[in-house]
Amino acid sequence: MADVQPPPLRSLDDFLLCSARFAVPDVRNLDRWNHRMINNLLYYQTNYLLSALGCLVIVGYFQPFQLVVGATVVTLLFLGFVWAAENQAPIRRFRRNHPSISLLAILLASYLFLSVLGGVAVFLFGIAFPILLVLVHASVRLRNLKNKLENKLESIGLKRTPMGLLLEALGQEQEAGS
């Protein structure tokens, strides 16, 4: 963990404004769409973290206790899933073969558990909404040369970032940097 480096904050111009280029992904080529998303997640991870924290602060202002309960539940379920995937071979194979379904299972289990506790609104607006914003941006943002270079450094191991570790925990390390 000592060699993990947080990437720099990308400029607002590069992230959203003038120089940013967006296009609807080709849904017929899922591999290319997946590569685009993973590479954008790696390149803009600091911007995504700050955007998600902004949404969480807004929700936390209105519902602080429920937000903490919701965040705790999702964190515990995610850590439980990662532990199970590392220690149980069938779960590890499932995670590698079906990463999207694995993430969906974590979110669905979190939703079901929170609905029992009555924190559905906090989950939807405080946790799922920022994730949705990040995934939509990562899907439609076209990559540039600097993005490709940074992702190549991450994929060959010269740089380790928090998003790289998260994607690795979700079984996406073979996809990163492609």
Protein backbone atom coordinates (compact mmCIF):
# COMPACT_ATOMS: atom_id res chain seq x y z
CA MET A 1 0.00 0.00 0.00
CA ALA A 2 2.98 2.33 0.48
CA ASP A 3 3.52 2.61 -3.27
CA VAL A 4 -0.07 3.72 -3.97
CA GLN A 5 -0.12 7.22 -5.44
CA PRO A 6 -3.30 9.26 -5.78
CA PRO A 7 -3.48 10.72 -9.28
CA PRO A 8 -3.70 14.47 -9.81
CA LEU A 9 -7.00 16.31 -9.98
CA ARG A 10 -7.83 16.80 -13.66
CA SER A 11 -8.89 20.28 -14.74
CA LEU A 12 -12.58 21.09 -15.01
CA ASP A 13 -11.92 21.92 -18.68
CA ASP A 14 -10.58 18.40 -19.28
CA PHE A 15 -13.20 16.71 -17.08
CA LEU A 16 -16.41 18.40 -18.27
CA LEU A 17 -16.02 21.62 -20.25
CA CYS A 18 -14.57 22.77 -23.58
CA SER A 19 -11.78 20.30 -24.30
CA ALA A 20 -13.80 17.32 -23.06
CA ARG A 21 -15.23 15.16 -25.82
CA PHE A 22 -18.25 12.97 -25.23
CA ALA A 23 -19.93 10.32 -27.36
CA VAL A 24 -22.51 7.64 -26.76
CA PRO A 25 -20.71 4.29 -26.51
CA ASP A 26 -21.25 1.62 -29.12
CA VAL A 27 -23.45 -0.91 -27.31
CA ARG A 28 -22.69 -3.54 -29.95
CA ASN A 29 -19.01 -3.60 -28.91
CA LEU A 30 -19.12 -4.29 -25.17
CA ASP A 31 -15.37 -4.92 -24.88
CA ARG A 32 -14.52 -1.49 -26.23
CA TRP A 33 -17.13 0.14 -23.98
CA ASN A 34 -15.72 -1.74 -20.98
CA HIS A 35 -12.16 -0.62 -21.83
CA ARG A 36 -13.31 2.99 -22.16
CA MET A 37 -15.04 2.89 -18.79
CA ILE A 38 -12.12 1.28 -16.96
CA ASN A 39 -9.58 3.65 -18.47
CA ASN A 40 -11.71 6.69 -17.65
CA LEU A 41 -12.23 5.39 -14.10
CA LEU A 42 -8.46 5.17 -13.70
CA TYR A 43 -7.69 8.54 -15.30
CA TYR A 44 -10.41 10.67 -13.65
CA GLN A 45 -10.54 8.85 -10.30
CA THR A 46 -9.71 11.93 -8.21
CA ASN A 47 -12.42 13.95 -9.99
CA TYR A 48 -14.90 11.10 -9.47
CA LEU A 49 -14.01 10.87 -5.79
CA LEU A 50 -14.57 14.60 -5.27
CA SER A 51 -17.87 14.49 -7.21
CA ALA A 52 -19.12 11.56 -5.14
CA LEU A 53 -18.02 13.25 -1.91
CA GLY A 54 -19.93 16.38 -2.96
CA CYS A 55 -23.11 14.34 -3.42
CA LEU A 56 -22.52 12.58 -0.11
CA VAL A 57 -22.02 15.90 1.70
CA ILE A 58 -25.32 17.19 0.34
CA VAL A 59 -27.18 14.03 1.38
CA GLY A 60 -25.31 13.95 4.71
CA TYR A 61 -26.45 17.46 5.46
CA PHE A 62 -30.09 16.40 5.26
CA GLN A 63 -29.88 12.79 6.59
CA PRO A 64 -26.58 12.35 8.50
CA PHE A 65 -27.41 9.25 10.56
CA GLN A 66 -29.00 7.34 7.70
CA LEU A 67 -26.08 8.20 5.43
CA VAL A 68 -23.60 6.77 7.93
CA VAL A 69 -25.68 3.61 8.33
CA GLY A 70 -25.95 3.23 4.54
CA ALA A 71 -22.24 3.79 3.96
CA THR A 72 -21.38 1.29 6.70
CA VAL A 73 -23.64 -1.39 5.21
CA VAL A 74 -22.26 -0.99 1.69
CA THR A 75 -18.67 -0.97 2.95
CA LEU A 76 -19.17 -4.11 5.03
CA LEU A 77 -20.89 -5.95 2.17
CA PHE A 78 -18.15 -4.92 -0.27
CA LEU A 79 -15.39 -6.01 2.11
CA GLY A 80 -17.24 -9.27 2.77
CA PHE A 81 -17.51 -9.90 -0.96
CA VAL A 82 -13.80 -9.19 -1.53
CA TRP A 83 -12.84 -11.45 1.39
CA ALA A 84 -15.09 -14.25 0.12
CA ALA A 85 -13.77 -13.86 -3.43
CA GLU A 86 -10.17 -14.13 -2.22
CA ASN A 87 -10.81 -17.11 0.05
CA GLN A 88 -13.40 -19.12 -1.92
CA ALA A 89 -12.43 -20.42 -5.38
CA PRO A 90 -15.98 -20.59 -6.85
CA ILE A 91 -16.68 -17.00 -5.84
CA ARG A 92 -13.30 -15.88 -7.21
CA ARG A 93 -14.08 -17.54 -10.58
CA PHE A 94 -17.54 -15.96 -10.66
CA ARG A 95 -16.06 -12.51 -9.90
CA ARG A 96 -13.52 -12.87 -12.73
CA ASN A 97 -16.07 -14.20 -15.24
CA HIS A 98 -18.95 -11.88 -14.32
CA PRO A 99 -17.61 -8.60 -12.82
CA SER A 100 -20.72 -6.56 -13.66
CA ILE A 101 -23.04 -9.11 -12.05
CA SER A 102 -20.73 -9.19 -9.00
CA LEU A 103 -20.95 -5.42 -8.55
CA LEU A 104 -24.70 -5.55 -9.10
CA ALA A 105 -24.98 -8.28 -6.44
CA ILE A 106 -23.12 -6.09 -3.92
CA LEU A 107 -25.38 -3.13 -4.65
CA LEU A 108 -28.54 -5.27 -4.58
CA ALA A 109 -27.57 -6.91 -1.28
CA SER A 110 -26.86 -3.44 0.13
CA TYR A 111 -30.23 -2.21 -1.10
CA LEU A 112 -32.11 -5.17 0.40
CA PHE A 113 -30.35 -4.83 3.74
CA LEU A 114 -30.95 -1.07 3.86
CA SER A 115 -34.61 -1.47 2.94
CA VAL A 116 -35.00 -3.65 6.01
CA LEU A 117 -33.45 -0.82 8.04
CA GLY A 118 -35.56 1.84 6.32
CA GLY A 119 -32.66 3.67 4.67
CA VAL A 120 -33.70 3.21 1.04
CA ALA A 121 -33.77 6.91 0.18
CA VAL A 122 -30.33 7.48 1.64
CA PHE A 123 -28.93 4.55 -0.30
CA LEU A 124 -30.48 5.69 -3.57
CA PHE A 125 -29.49 9.34 -3.33
CA GLY A 126 -26.36 9.20 -1.20
CA ILE A 127 -24.58 6.15 -2.56
CA ALA A 128 -26.13 4.91 -5.81
CA PHE A 129 -26.58 8.35 -7.43
CA PRO A 130 -22.86 9.26 -7.27
CA ILE A 131 -21.98 5.80 -8.60
CA LEU A 132 -24.45 6.32 -11.45
CA LEU A 133 -22.92 9.73 -12.28
CA VAL A 134 -19.41 8.27 -12.31
CA LEU A 135 -20.39 5.33 -14.54
CA VAL A 136 -22.28 7.56 -17.00
CA HIS A 137 -19.33 9.96 -17.30
CA ALA A 138 -16.85 7.09 -17.66
CA SER A 139 -19.05 5.59 -20.39
CA VAL A 140 -19.48 8.67 -22.55
CA ARG A 141 -16.14 10.48 -22.06
CA LEU A 142 -13.79 9.86 -24.96
CA ARG A 143 -10.15 9.23 -24.07
CA ASN A 144 -7.32 11.57 -25.05
CA LEU A 145 -3.59 10.94 -25.49
CA LYS A 146 -2.71 11.90 -21.90
CA ASN A 147 -5.41 9.54 -20.61
CA LYS A 148 -3.99 6.66 -22.66
CA LEU A 149 -0.43 7.32 -21.44
CA GLU A 150 -1.44 7.45 -17.76
CA ASN A 151 -3.43 4.21 -18.12
CA LYS A 152 -0.49 2.47 -19.77
CA LEU A 153 1.76 3.44 -16.83
CA GLU A 154 -0.86 2.04 -14.44
CA SER A 155 -1.22 -1.21 -16.39
CA ILE A 156 2.52 -1.97 -16.53
CA GLY A 157 2.82 -1.36 -12.80
CA LEU A 158 4.86 1.86 -12.77
CA LYS A 159 2.06 3.64 -10.92
CA ARG A 160 -0.44 2.22 -8.41
CA THR A 161 -3.61 4.18 -7.71
CA PRO A 162 -6.63 3.66 -5.44
CA MET A 163 -8.96 3.06 -8.41
CA GLY A 164 -6.47 0.55 -9.82
CA LEU A 165 -6.60 -1.36 -6.54
CA LEU A 166 -10.43 -1.19 -6.50
CA LEU A 167 -10.68 -2.47 -10.07
CA GLU A 168 -8.21 -5.23 -9.21
CA ALA A 169 -10.38 -6.21 -6.21
CA LEU A 170 -13.38 -6.40 -8.57
CA GLY A 171 -11.47 -8.68 -10.95
CA GLN A 172 -10.86 -6.07 -13.66
CA GLU A 173 -7.05 -5.88 -13.51
CA GLN A 174 -6.63 -7.72 -16.81
CA GLU A 175 -8.75 -5.06 -18.51
CA ALA A 176 -7.00 -1.98 -17.14
CA GLY A 177 -4.81 -0.08 -19.54
CA SER A 178 -5.91 -1.97 -22.63
